[in-house]
């Protein structure tokens, strides 16, 4: 359904559908996402949990990340860095209300990023997406940031550390996503309607 040459058109369609959501629909979806995530034990216990700053109609995480601090968990936002000429993500702690700066992509990042950690030090990552299928394949935004940042998972038995949990609206589900060799699969998908296990029951 999403052959590589068709990805640009597919992305545009999914972005448009997200932008057309009404505020009340986003609020309801955020609450639904939290209920889905609460079915995942790691969401309730993992110490280092990363997410994203919702932009462009992405499913907001505000309701889902609210309880983390109360449980003694640390929430992180991604920071775009450049290593060996390639852009990838590192992560910095952030709590609601702290100052942010806007990066070159127009996405807010933690301003006082003094305790940056690498992707392999995280326990759980809530990954934004434009589309997904039930096998854990993700249609991203085309920049390759997440695939490069988590490429160390490619040859590992999954699930591994960190656990990758795609986050999106239920309507973003696609029948089948044609993958590229650099794509990194997701372990779970959390939507406003359900939690989808993409690991095939692997321990």
N, C-alpha and C. Protein backbone atom coordinates (compact mmCIF):
# COMPACT_ATOMS: atom_id res chain seq x y z
N UNK A 1 0.83 -1.21 0.00
CA UNK A 1 0.00 0.00 0.00
C UNK A 1 0.86 1.25 0.00
N UNK A 2 2.08 1.14 0.54
CA UNK A 2 2.92 2.32 0.64
C UNK A 2 4.28 2.06 0.01
N UNK A 3 4.30 1.72 -1.26
CA UNK A 3 5.55 1.53 -1.96
C UNK A 3 6.37 2.82 -1.90
N UNK A 4 7.68 2.68 -1.90
CA UNK A 4 8.55 3.84 -1.69
C UNK A 4 8.24 5.03 -2.59
N UNK A 5 8.01 4.84 -3.89
CA UNK A 5 7.71 6.01 -4.74
C UNK A 5 6.41 6.72 -4.37
N UNK A 6 5.55 6.02 -3.63
CA UNK A 6 4.25 6.61 -3.29
C UNK A 6 4.22 7.22 -1.91
N UNK A 7 5.34 7.17 -1.21
CA UNK A 7 5.34 7.60 0.19
C UNK A 7 5.04 9.08 0.35
N UNK A 8 5.52 9.90 -0.57
CA UNK A 8 5.29 11.35 -0.43
C UNK A 8 3.81 11.67 -0.44
N UNK A 9 3.08 11.07 -1.39
CA UNK A 9 1.63 11.31 -1.48
C UNK A 9 0.91 10.76 -0.27
N UNK A 10 1.32 9.60 0.19
CA UNK A 10 0.69 8.99 1.35
C UNK A 10 0.92 9.84 2.59
N UNK A 11 2.14 10.33 2.76
CA UNK A 11 2.44 11.18 3.91
C UNK A 11 1.56 12.43 3.90
N UNK A 12 1.42 13.06 2.75
CA UNK A 12 0.62 14.28 2.65
C UNK A 12 -0.83 14.02 3.04
N UNK A 13 -1.36 12.88 2.62
CA UNK A 13 -2.74 12.53 2.94
C UNK A 13 -2.92 12.31 4.44
N UNK A 14 -1.99 11.61 5.06
CA UNK A 14 -2.10 11.33 6.49
C UNK A 14 -1.91 12.60 7.32
N UNK A 15 -1.00 13.47 6.90
CA UNK A 15 -0.81 14.74 7.60
C UNK A 15 -2.09 15.57 7.53
N UNK A 16 -2.72 15.60 6.38
CA UNK A 16 -3.95 16.37 6.21
C UNK A 16 -5.05 15.84 7.11
N UNK A 17 -5.17 14.53 7.20
CA UNK A 17 -6.21 13.93 8.06
C UNK A 17 -5.98 14.30 9.52
N UNK A 18 -4.72 14.33 9.94
CA UNK A 18 -4.43 14.72 11.32
C UNK A 18 -4.79 16.17 11.58
N UNK A 19 -4.45 17.03 10.64
CA UNK A 19 -4.70 18.46 10.83
C UNK A 19 -6.19 18.78 10.88
N UNK A 20 -7.02 17.94 10.29
CA UNK A 20 -8.45 18.19 10.24
C UNK A 20 -9.18 17.78 11.52
N UNK A 21 -8.48 17.15 12.43
CA UNK A 21 -9.11 16.74 13.69
C UNK A 21 -9.51 17.97 14.51
N UNK A 22 -10.65 17.89 15.13
CA UNK A 22 -11.14 18.98 15.98
C UNK A 22 -10.48 18.88 17.36
N UNK A 23 -10.38 20.02 18.08
CA UNK A 23 -9.76 20.00 19.41
C UNK A 23 -10.34 18.95 20.34
N UNK A 24 -11.66 18.80 20.34
CA UNK A 24 -12.29 17.81 21.22
C UNK A 24 -11.85 16.39 20.85
N UNK A 25 -11.62 16.16 19.57
CA UNK A 25 -11.17 14.83 19.12
C UNK A 25 -9.74 14.57 19.59
N UNK A 26 -8.91 15.60 19.60
CA UNK A 26 -7.54 15.44 20.08
C UNK A 26 -7.50 15.15 21.58
N UNK A 27 -8.35 15.85 22.33
CA UNK A 27 -8.42 15.64 23.78
C UNK A 27 -8.84 14.21 24.08
N UNK A 28 -9.86 13.75 23.38
CA UNK A 28 -10.34 12.38 23.58
C UNK A 28 -9.28 11.37 23.18
N UNK A 29 -8.56 11.64 22.10
CA UNK A 29 -7.51 10.73 21.64
C UNK A 29 -6.37 10.65 22.65
N UNK A 30 -6.01 11.79 23.25
CA UNK A 30 -4.93 11.80 24.24
C UNK A 30 -5.29 10.93 25.44
N UNK A 31 -6.55 11.01 25.87
CA UNK A 31 -7.00 10.18 26.98
C UNK A 31 -7.01 8.71 26.59
N UNK A 32 -7.42 8.43 25.36
CA UNK A 32 -7.42 7.06 24.87
C UNK A 32 -6.02 6.48 24.78
N UNK A 33 -5.06 7.30 24.37
CA UNK A 33 -3.68 6.86 24.30
C UNK A 33 -3.17 6.44 25.67
N UNK A 34 -3.47 7.22 26.68
CA UNK A 34 -3.02 6.87 28.03
C UNK A 34 -3.59 5.52 28.45
N UNK A 35 -4.86 5.28 28.17
CA UNK A 35 -5.46 3.99 28.52
C UNK A 35 -4.76 2.84 27.80
N UNK A 36 -4.39 3.07 26.54
CA UNK A 36 -3.69 2.03 25.79
C UNK A 36 -2.31 1.77 26.38
N UNK A 37 -1.60 2.84 26.71
CA UNK A 37 -0.26 2.68 27.26
C UNK A 37 -0.28 2.00 28.62
N UNK A 38 -1.33 2.22 29.37
CA UNK A 38 -1.41 1.61 30.71
C UNK A 38 -1.54 0.10 30.64
N UNK A 39 -1.79 -0.45 29.47
CA UNK A 39 -1.82 -1.90 29.30
C UNK A 39 -0.41 -2.47 29.13
N UNK A 40 0.57 -1.58 28.99
CA UNK A 40 1.96 -1.99 28.80
C UNK A 40 2.71 -1.83 30.12
N UNK A 41 3.12 -2.94 30.76
CA UNK A 41 3.77 -2.84 32.08
C UNK A 41 4.97 -1.91 32.09
N UNK A 42 5.76 -1.91 31.02
CA UNK A 42 6.96 -1.08 30.99
C UNK A 42 6.65 0.41 31.08
N UNK A 43 5.52 0.82 30.56
CA UNK A 43 5.12 2.22 30.65
C UNK A 43 4.92 2.64 32.10
N UNK A 44 4.53 1.71 32.92
CA UNK A 44 4.25 1.99 34.33
C UNK A 44 5.49 1.90 35.21
N UNK A 45 6.56 1.27 34.71
CA UNK A 45 7.71 1.00 35.57
C UNK A 45 9.06 1.47 35.04
N UNK A 46 9.24 1.56 33.73
CA UNK A 46 10.55 1.90 33.18
C UNK A 46 11.02 3.28 33.64
N UNK A 47 12.30 3.37 33.98
CA UNK A 47 12.83 4.59 34.57
C UNK A 47 13.00 5.71 33.55
N UNK A 48 13.55 5.40 32.38
CA UNK A 48 13.88 6.42 31.39
C UNK A 48 12.97 6.30 30.18
N UNK A 49 12.01 7.22 30.08
CA UNK A 49 10.98 7.17 29.04
C UNK A 49 11.09 8.40 28.14
N UNK A 50 11.28 8.18 26.86
CA UNK A 50 11.38 9.30 25.92
C UNK A 50 10.11 9.41 25.10
N UNK A 51 9.83 10.62 24.64
CA UNK A 51 8.66 10.85 23.81
C UNK A 51 8.95 11.91 22.77
N UNK A 52 7.99 12.73 22.48
CA UNK A 52 8.16 13.78 21.47
C UNK A 52 7.25 14.96 21.80
N UNK A 53 7.57 16.10 21.23
CA UNK A 53 6.73 17.29 21.34
C UNK A 53 5.79 17.27 20.15
N UNK A 54 4.51 17.12 20.40
CA UNK A 54 3.54 16.96 19.30
C UNK A 54 3.44 18.22 18.45
N UNK A 55 3.65 18.07 17.15
CA UNK A 55 3.51 19.15 16.19
C UNK A 55 2.74 18.64 14.98
N UNK A 56 2.19 19.55 14.20
CA UNK A 56 1.54 19.15 12.95
C UNK A 56 0.38 18.19 13.11
N UNK A 57 -0.31 18.28 14.24
CA UNK A 57 -1.47 17.41 14.44
C UNK A 57 -1.15 16.06 15.03
N UNK A 58 0.11 15.85 15.47
CA UNK A 58 0.47 14.57 16.09
C UNK A 58 -0.36 14.32 17.34
N UNK A 59 -0.52 13.06 17.69
CA UNK A 59 -1.27 12.70 18.88
C UNK A 59 -0.52 13.23 20.10
N UNK A 60 -1.13 14.13 20.88
CA UNK A 60 -0.42 14.75 22.01
C UNK A 60 -0.15 13.76 23.13
N UNK A 61 0.99 13.95 23.80
CA UNK A 61 1.40 13.05 24.88
C UNK A 61 1.13 13.61 26.27
N UNK A 62 0.54 14.82 26.35
CA UNK A 62 0.44 15.49 27.64
C UNK A 62 -0.24 14.64 28.71
N UNK A 63 -1.32 13.95 28.35
CA UNK A 63 -2.04 13.12 29.33
C UNK A 63 -1.23 11.89 29.69
N UNK A 64 -0.47 11.38 28.74
CA UNK A 64 0.30 10.16 28.97
C UNK A 64 1.55 10.39 29.81
N UNK A 65 2.18 11.58 29.66
CA UNK A 65 3.43 11.81 30.38
C UNK A 65 3.20 12.42 31.76
N UNK A 66 1.99 12.91 32.00
CA UNK A 66 1.68 13.53 33.29
C UNK A 66 2.00 12.66 34.49
N UNK A 67 1.63 11.36 34.47
CA UNK A 67 1.83 10.51 35.65
C UNK A 67 3.27 10.03 35.84
N UNK A 68 4.15 10.22 34.86
CA UNK A 68 5.48 9.63 34.95
C UNK A 68 6.26 10.14 36.16
N UNK A 69 6.28 11.45 36.36
CA UNK A 69 7.04 12.01 37.48
C UNK A 69 6.52 11.51 38.82
N UNK A 70 5.21 11.34 38.92
CA UNK A 70 4.61 10.85 40.17
C UNK A 70 5.08 9.44 40.48
N UNK A 71 5.43 8.69 39.44
CA UNK A 71 5.90 7.31 39.63
C UNK A 71 7.43 7.24 39.71
N UNK A 72 8.09 8.39 39.70
CA UNK A 72 9.54 8.41 39.80
C UNK A 72 10.25 8.13 38.48
N UNK A 73 9.53 8.25 37.37
CA UNK A 73 10.12 8.04 36.05
C UNK A 73 10.57 9.38 35.47
N UNK A 74 11.57 9.34 34.60
CA UNK A 74 12.08 10.55 33.97
C UNK A 74 11.65 10.57 32.51
N UNK A 75 11.12 11.71 32.06
CA UNK A 75 10.69 11.86 30.68
C UNK A 75 11.74 12.66 29.90
N UNK A 76 11.99 12.23 28.67
CA UNK A 76 13.00 12.86 27.82
C UNK A 76 12.39 13.30 26.49
N UNK A 77 12.92 14.40 25.96
CA UNK A 77 12.58 14.83 24.61
C UNK A 77 13.82 14.71 23.72
N UNK A 78 13.61 14.45 22.43
CA UNK A 78 14.75 14.31 21.52
C UNK A 78 15.39 15.65 21.18
N UNK A 79 16.70 15.59 20.94
CA UNK A 79 17.48 16.73 20.47
C UNK A 79 18.21 16.28 19.21
N UNK A 80 18.09 17.05 18.14
CA UNK A 80 18.76 16.72 16.89
C UNK A 80 20.23 17.10 16.99
N UNK A 81 21.09 16.11 16.78
CA UNK A 81 22.53 16.35 16.80
C UNK A 81 23.14 15.86 15.48
N UNK A 82 24.35 16.29 15.21
CA UNK A 82 25.01 15.90 13.97
C UNK A 82 26.33 15.20 14.31
N UNK A 83 26.46 13.96 13.85
CA UNK A 83 27.67 13.17 14.09
C UNK A 83 28.14 12.58 12.78
N UNK A 84 29.39 12.80 12.46
CA UNK A 84 29.97 12.28 11.22
C UNK A 84 29.13 12.67 10.01
N UNK A 85 28.61 13.89 10.06
CA UNK A 85 27.85 14.41 8.93
C UNK A 85 26.42 13.94 8.85
N UNK A 86 25.99 13.09 9.81
CA UNK A 86 24.62 12.56 9.78
C UNK A 86 23.85 13.04 11.01
N UNK A 87 22.61 13.43 10.79
CA UNK A 87 21.77 13.90 11.88
C UNK A 87 21.07 12.73 12.55
N UNK A 88 21.11 12.73 13.86
CA UNK A 88 20.42 11.71 14.64
C UNK A 88 19.91 12.34 15.92
N UNK A 89 19.38 11.52 16.81
CA UNK A 89 18.75 12.03 18.02
C UNK A 89 19.51 11.61 19.27
N UNK A 90 19.68 12.57 20.17
CA UNK A 90 20.03 12.28 21.55
C UNK A 90 18.83 12.77 22.38
N UNK A 91 18.88 12.60 23.70
CA UNK A 91 17.69 12.87 24.49
C UNK A 91 18.04 13.60 25.78
N UNK A 92 17.16 14.54 26.17
CA UNK A 92 17.39 15.33 27.37
C UNK A 92 16.14 15.33 28.24
N UNK A 93 16.30 15.29 29.57
CA UNK A 93 15.15 15.31 30.47
C UNK A 93 14.34 16.59 30.29
N UNK A 94 13.03 16.46 30.44
CA UNK A 94 12.15 17.63 30.33
C UNK A 94 10.89 17.37 31.14
N UNK A 95 10.44 18.40 31.85
CA UNK A 95 9.16 18.32 32.56
C UNK A 95 8.27 19.46 32.08
N UNK A 96 6.99 19.26 32.18
CA UNK A 96 6.02 20.24 31.71
C UNK A 96 6.28 21.61 32.33
N UNK A 97 6.35 22.62 31.48
CA UNK A 97 6.56 23.98 31.95
C UNK A 97 7.98 24.47 31.81
N UNK A 98 8.94 23.57 31.61
CA UNK A 98 10.33 23.99 31.44
C UNK A 98 10.53 24.65 30.08
N UNK A 99 11.52 25.54 30.02
CA UNK A 99 11.79 26.28 28.79
C UNK A 99 12.25 25.37 27.66
N UNK A 100 11.89 25.74 26.45
CA UNK A 100 12.33 25.01 25.26
C UNK A 100 12.85 26.00 24.22
N UNK A 101 13.69 25.50 23.32
CA UNK A 101 14.13 26.24 22.16
C UNK A 101 13.64 25.51 20.92
N UNK A 102 13.40 26.25 19.85
CA UNK A 102 12.96 25.63 18.61
C UNK A 102 14.16 25.31 17.74
N UNK A 103 14.26 24.05 17.29
CA UNK A 103 15.41 23.67 16.46
C UNK A 103 15.18 24.05 15.00
N UNK A 104 16.10 23.66 14.15
CA UNK A 104 16.04 24.05 12.74
C UNK A 104 14.85 23.42 12.01
N UNK A 105 14.26 22.39 12.60
CA UNK A 105 13.10 21.75 12.00
C UNK A 105 11.80 22.37 12.50
N UNK A 106 11.92 23.35 13.40
CA UNK A 106 10.75 23.98 13.96
C UNK A 106 10.12 23.22 15.11
N UNK A 107 10.89 22.28 15.68
CA UNK A 107 10.39 21.45 16.77
C UNK A 107 11.04 21.88 18.09
N UNK A 108 10.26 22.09 19.14
CA UNK A 108 10.82 22.49 20.43
C UNK A 108 11.72 21.40 21.04
N UNK A 109 12.84 21.85 21.62
CA UNK A 109 13.77 20.97 22.32
C UNK A 109 14.03 21.55 23.71
N UNK A 110 14.39 20.71 24.69
CA UNK A 110 14.72 21.23 26.02
C UNK A 110 15.81 22.29 25.95
N UNK A 111 15.59 23.41 26.62
CA UNK A 111 16.55 24.52 26.56
C UNK A 111 17.75 24.26 27.46
N UNK A 112 17.49 23.81 28.67
CA UNK A 112 18.58 23.55 29.62
C UNK A 112 18.98 22.08 29.52
N UNK A 113 19.54 21.71 28.37
CA UNK A 113 19.86 20.30 28.10
C UNK A 113 21.26 19.98 28.61
N UNK A 114 21.40 19.82 29.92
CA UNK A 114 22.71 19.57 30.52
C UNK A 114 22.98 18.09 30.75
N UNK A 115 21.94 17.29 30.69
CA UNK A 115 22.09 15.86 30.99
C UNK A 115 21.62 15.03 29.80
N UNK A 116 22.25 15.26 28.67
CA UNK A 116 21.87 14.55 27.45
C UNK A 116 22.35 13.10 27.53
N UNK A 117 21.48 12.17 27.11
CA UNK A 117 21.85 10.77 27.07
C UNK A 117 21.67 10.23 25.65
N UNK A 118 22.35 9.15 25.37
CA UNK A 118 22.26 8.50 24.07
C UNK A 118 21.02 7.60 24.01
N UNK A 119 20.62 7.29 22.80
CA UNK A 119 19.41 6.49 22.58
C UNK A 119 19.46 5.14 23.27
N UNK A 120 20.65 4.53 23.34
CA UNK A 120 20.75 3.19 23.91
C UNK A 120 20.66 3.17 25.43
N UNK A 121 20.59 4.36 26.05
CA UNK A 121 20.45 4.43 27.51
C UNK A 121 18.98 4.56 27.94
N UNK A 122 18.09 4.68 26.98
CA UNK A 122 16.67 4.78 27.29
C UNK A 122 16.07 3.40 27.54
N UNK A 123 14.94 3.38 28.25
CA UNK A 123 14.24 2.13 28.50
C UNK A 123 13.03 1.96 27.58
N UNK A 124 12.35 3.06 27.33
CA UNK A 124 11.11 3.04 26.55
C UNK A 124 11.06 4.32 25.72
N UNK A 125 10.68 4.18 24.45
CA UNK A 125 10.61 5.35 23.57
C UNK A 125 9.24 5.39 22.90
N UNK A 126 8.54 6.49 23.07
CA UNK A 126 7.27 6.73 22.38
C UNK A 126 7.61 7.42 21.07
N UNK A 127 7.41 6.72 19.97
CA UNK A 127 7.90 7.15 18.66
C UNK A 127 6.76 7.73 17.83
N UNK A 128 6.91 8.96 17.34
CA UNK A 128 5.87 9.54 16.48
C UNK A 128 5.89 8.86 15.11
N UNK A 129 4.76 8.90 14.42
CA UNK A 129 4.68 8.26 13.11
C UNK A 129 3.57 8.89 12.29
N UNK A 130 3.62 8.61 11.00
CA UNK A 130 2.55 9.02 10.10
C UNK A 130 1.64 7.86 9.75
N UNK A 131 2.22 6.67 9.72
CA UNK A 131 1.45 5.48 9.42
C UNK A 131 2.12 4.26 10.02
N UNK A 132 1.36 3.19 10.20
CA UNK A 132 1.90 1.96 10.77
C UNK A 132 1.11 0.77 10.26
N UNK A 133 1.72 -0.41 10.33
CA UNK A 133 0.97 -1.63 10.12
C UNK A 133 1.15 -2.52 11.36
N UNK A 134 0.42 -3.60 11.43
CA UNK A 134 0.40 -4.42 12.63
C UNK A 134 1.62 -5.32 12.78
N UNK A 135 2.52 -5.24 11.83
CA UNK A 135 3.78 -5.99 11.94
C UNK A 135 4.89 -5.12 12.55
N UNK A 136 4.55 -3.90 12.91
CA UNK A 136 5.54 -3.03 13.53
C UNK A 136 6.30 -2.16 12.56
N UNK A 137 5.85 -2.12 11.32
CA UNK A 137 6.49 -1.24 10.34
C UNK A 137 5.92 0.16 10.47
N UNK A 138 6.80 1.14 10.32
CA UNK A 138 6.44 2.54 10.56
C UNK A 138 6.71 3.37 9.31
N UNK A 139 5.73 4.19 8.97
CA UNK A 139 5.94 5.22 7.96
C UNK A 139 6.26 6.50 8.70
N UNK A 140 7.50 6.97 8.56
CA UNK A 140 7.91 8.16 9.28
C UNK A 140 7.79 9.40 8.42
N UNK A 141 8.59 10.40 8.75
CA UNK A 141 8.48 11.70 8.10
C UNK A 141 9.49 11.86 6.97
N UNK A 142 10.31 10.84 6.77
CA UNK A 142 11.25 10.88 5.66
C UNK A 142 12.64 11.34 6.00
N UNK A 143 12.86 11.80 7.24
CA UNK A 143 14.17 12.31 7.62
C UNK A 143 15.13 11.22 8.07
N UNK A 144 14.61 10.10 8.51
CA UNK A 144 15.44 8.98 8.94
C UNK A 144 16.07 9.14 10.31
N UNK A 145 15.63 10.13 11.09
CA UNK A 145 16.25 10.38 12.39
C UNK A 145 16.12 9.19 13.34
N UNK A 146 14.92 8.64 13.44
CA UNK A 146 14.71 7.53 14.37
C UNK A 146 15.41 6.27 13.89
N UNK A 147 15.39 6.00 12.59
CA UNK A 147 16.05 4.81 12.06
C UNK A 147 17.56 4.88 12.30
N UNK A 148 18.18 6.03 12.11
CA UNK A 148 19.61 6.17 12.36
C UNK A 148 19.92 6.09 13.85
N UNK A 149 19.07 6.70 14.66
CA UNK A 149 19.34 6.76 16.09
C UNK A 149 19.20 5.41 16.78
N UNK A 150 18.34 4.56 16.24
CA UNK A 150 18.12 3.25 16.86
C UNK A 150 18.59 2.10 15.99
N UNK A 151 19.54 2.38 15.11
CA UNK A 151 20.03 1.33 14.22
C UNK A 151 20.75 0.23 14.98
N UNK A 152 21.19 0.50 16.20
CA UNK A 152 21.85 -0.53 17.00
C UNK A 152 20.90 -1.66 17.37
N UNK A 153 19.60 -1.46 17.19
CA UNK A 153 18.61 -2.50 17.47
C UNK A 153 18.42 -3.46 16.29
N UNK A 154 18.96 -3.11 15.13
CA UNK A 154 18.64 -3.85 13.91
C UNK A 154 18.96 -5.34 14.02
N UNK A 155 20.09 -5.69 14.58
CA UNK A 155 20.51 -7.09 14.64
C UNK A 155 20.22 -7.76 15.98
N UNK A 156 19.48 -7.06 16.83
CA UNK A 156 19.16 -7.62 18.14
C UNK A 156 17.82 -8.34 18.10
N UNK A 157 17.70 -9.38 18.93
CA UNK A 157 16.40 -10.04 19.10
C UNK A 157 15.47 -9.05 19.77
N UNK A 158 14.27 -8.94 19.25
CA UNK A 158 13.30 -8.00 19.78
C UNK A 158 12.22 -8.74 20.54
N UNK A 159 11.64 -8.12 21.58
CA UNK A 159 11.94 -6.77 22.06
C UNK A 159 13.29 -6.69 22.76
N UNK A 160 13.86 -5.49 22.76
CA UNK A 160 15.15 -5.24 23.39
C UNK A 160 15.05 -3.91 24.13
N UNK A 161 16.19 -3.42 24.61
CA UNK A 161 16.22 -2.10 25.26
C UNK A 161 16.85 -1.10 24.31
N UNK A 162 16.18 0.03 24.07
CA UNK A 162 14.86 0.41 24.60
C UNK A 162 13.72 -0.25 23.83
N UNK A 163 12.57 -0.31 24.48
CA UNK A 163 11.36 -0.78 23.83
C UNK A 163 10.81 0.36 22.98
N UNK A 164 10.56 0.09 21.71
CA UNK A 164 10.05 1.13 20.81
C UNK A 164 8.54 0.99 20.64
N UNK A 165 7.83 2.04 21.03
CA UNK A 165 6.37 2.04 20.99
C UNK A 165 5.90 3.17 20.07
N UNK A 166 5.39 2.80 18.92
CA UNK A 166 4.87 3.81 18.01
C UNK A 166 3.58 4.40 18.55
N UNK A 167 3.38 5.69 18.34
CA UNK A 167 2.19 6.38 18.83
C UNK A 167 1.47 7.05 17.66
N UNK A 168 0.20 6.75 17.51
CA UNK A 168 -0.56 7.37 16.43
C UNK A 168 -2.05 7.15 16.61
N UNK A 169 -2.82 7.86 15.82
CA UNK A 169 -4.26 7.68 15.82
C UNK A 169 -4.60 6.36 15.12
N UNK A 170 -5.71 5.76 15.52
CA UNK A 170 -6.12 4.49 14.92
C UNK A 170 -6.27 4.60 13.41
N UNK A 171 -6.69 5.77 12.91
CA UNK A 171 -6.90 5.90 11.46
C UNK A 171 -5.60 5.92 10.67
N UNK A 172 -4.46 5.97 11.36
CA UNK A 172 -3.18 5.95 10.67
C UNK A 172 -2.71 4.53 10.33
N UNK A 173 -3.51 3.54 10.71
CA UNK A 173 -3.15 2.16 10.39
C UNK A 173 -3.27 1.90 8.89
N UNK A 174 -2.24 1.25 8.34
CA UNK A 174 -2.21 0.87 6.93
C UNK A 174 -2.19 -0.65 6.81
N UNK A 175 -2.64 -1.16 5.69
CA UNK A 175 -2.68 -2.61 5.51
C UNK A 175 -1.28 -3.20 5.54
N UNK A 176 -0.36 -2.57 4.84
CA UNK A 176 0.98 -3.12 4.74
C UNK A 176 1.93 -2.01 4.30
N UNK A 177 3.06 -1.90 4.96
CA UNK A 177 4.05 -0.89 4.62
C UNK A 177 5.27 -1.59 4.03
N UNK A 178 5.62 -1.23 2.83
CA UNK A 178 6.82 -1.79 2.22
C UNK A 178 8.03 -1.16 2.88
N UNK A 179 8.93 -1.97 3.39
CA UNK A 179 10.04 -1.46 4.18
C UNK A 179 11.31 -1.31 3.34
N UNK A 180 12.21 -0.50 3.86
CA UNK A 180 13.55 -0.35 3.31
C UNK A 180 14.53 -1.01 4.28
N UNK A 181 15.72 -1.30 3.80
CA UNK A 181 16.67 -2.05 4.63
C UNK A 181 17.09 -1.29 5.89
N UNK A 182 16.93 0.04 5.87
CA UNK A 182 17.36 0.84 7.04
C UNK A 182 16.23 1.04 8.06
N UNK A 183 15.02 0.60 7.75
CA UNK A 183 13.90 0.81 8.66
C UNK A 183 14.05 -0.02 9.93
N UNK A 184 13.75 0.59 11.07
CA UNK A 184 13.78 -0.10 12.36
C UNK A 184 12.34 -0.36 12.79
N UNK A 185 12.03 -1.61 13.10
CA UNK A 185 10.66 -1.97 13.46
C UNK A 185 10.30 -1.51 14.88
N UNK A 186 9.01 -1.36 15.09
CA UNK A 186 8.47 -1.02 16.39
C UNK A 186 8.09 -2.31 17.13
N UNK A 187 8.14 -2.26 18.47
CA UNK A 187 7.74 -3.41 19.27
C UNK A 187 6.23 -3.40 19.54
N UNK A 188 5.71 -2.22 19.74
CA UNK A 188 4.27 -2.04 20.00
C UNK A 188 3.79 -0.80 19.27
N UNK A 189 2.49 -0.73 19.08
CA UNK A 189 1.83 0.49 18.60
C UNK A 189 0.77 0.85 19.63
N UNK A 190 0.80 2.07 20.12
CA UNK A 190 -0.23 2.57 21.03
C UNK A 190 -1.06 3.62 20.30
N UNK A 191 -2.34 3.36 20.16
CA UNK A 191 -3.23 4.32 19.51
C UNK A 191 -4.25 4.82 20.52
N UNK A 192 -5.14 5.67 20.06
CA UNK A 192 -6.21 6.16 20.92
C UNK A 192 -7.26 5.08 21.16
N UNK A 193 -7.14 3.93 20.46
CA UNK A 193 -8.13 2.87 20.59
C UNK A 193 -7.61 1.59 21.21
N UNK A 194 -6.31 1.29 21.03
CA UNK A 194 -5.79 0.00 21.49
C UNK A 194 -4.27 -0.01 21.56
N UNK A 195 -3.76 -1.05 22.22
CA UNK A 195 -2.33 -1.34 22.23
C UNK A 195 -2.10 -2.56 21.37
N UNK A 196 -1.24 -2.44 20.37
CA UNK A 196 -0.98 -3.51 19.43
C UNK A 196 0.40 -4.10 19.69
N UNK A 197 0.46 -5.39 19.94
CA UNK A 197 1.72 -6.10 20.17
C UNK A 197 2.28 -6.55 18.82
N UNK A 198 3.42 -6.03 18.45
CA UNK A 198 4.04 -6.36 17.15
C UNK A 198 5.18 -7.35 17.32
N UNK A 199 5.38 -7.87 18.53
CA UNK A 199 6.52 -8.74 18.80
C UNK A 199 6.23 -10.20 18.49
N UNK A 200 4.98 -10.52 18.23
CA UNK A 200 4.63 -11.91 17.97
C UNK A 200 4.69 -12.76 19.22
N UNK A 201 4.58 -12.10 20.37
CA UNK A 201 4.59 -12.85 21.64
C UNK A 201 5.97 -13.22 22.10
N UNK A 202 7.02 -12.61 21.52
CA UNK A 202 8.39 -12.93 21.90
C UNK A 202 8.65 -12.51 23.34
N UNK A 203 9.46 -13.31 24.00
CA UNK A 203 9.82 -12.99 25.39
C UNK A 203 11.05 -12.09 25.40
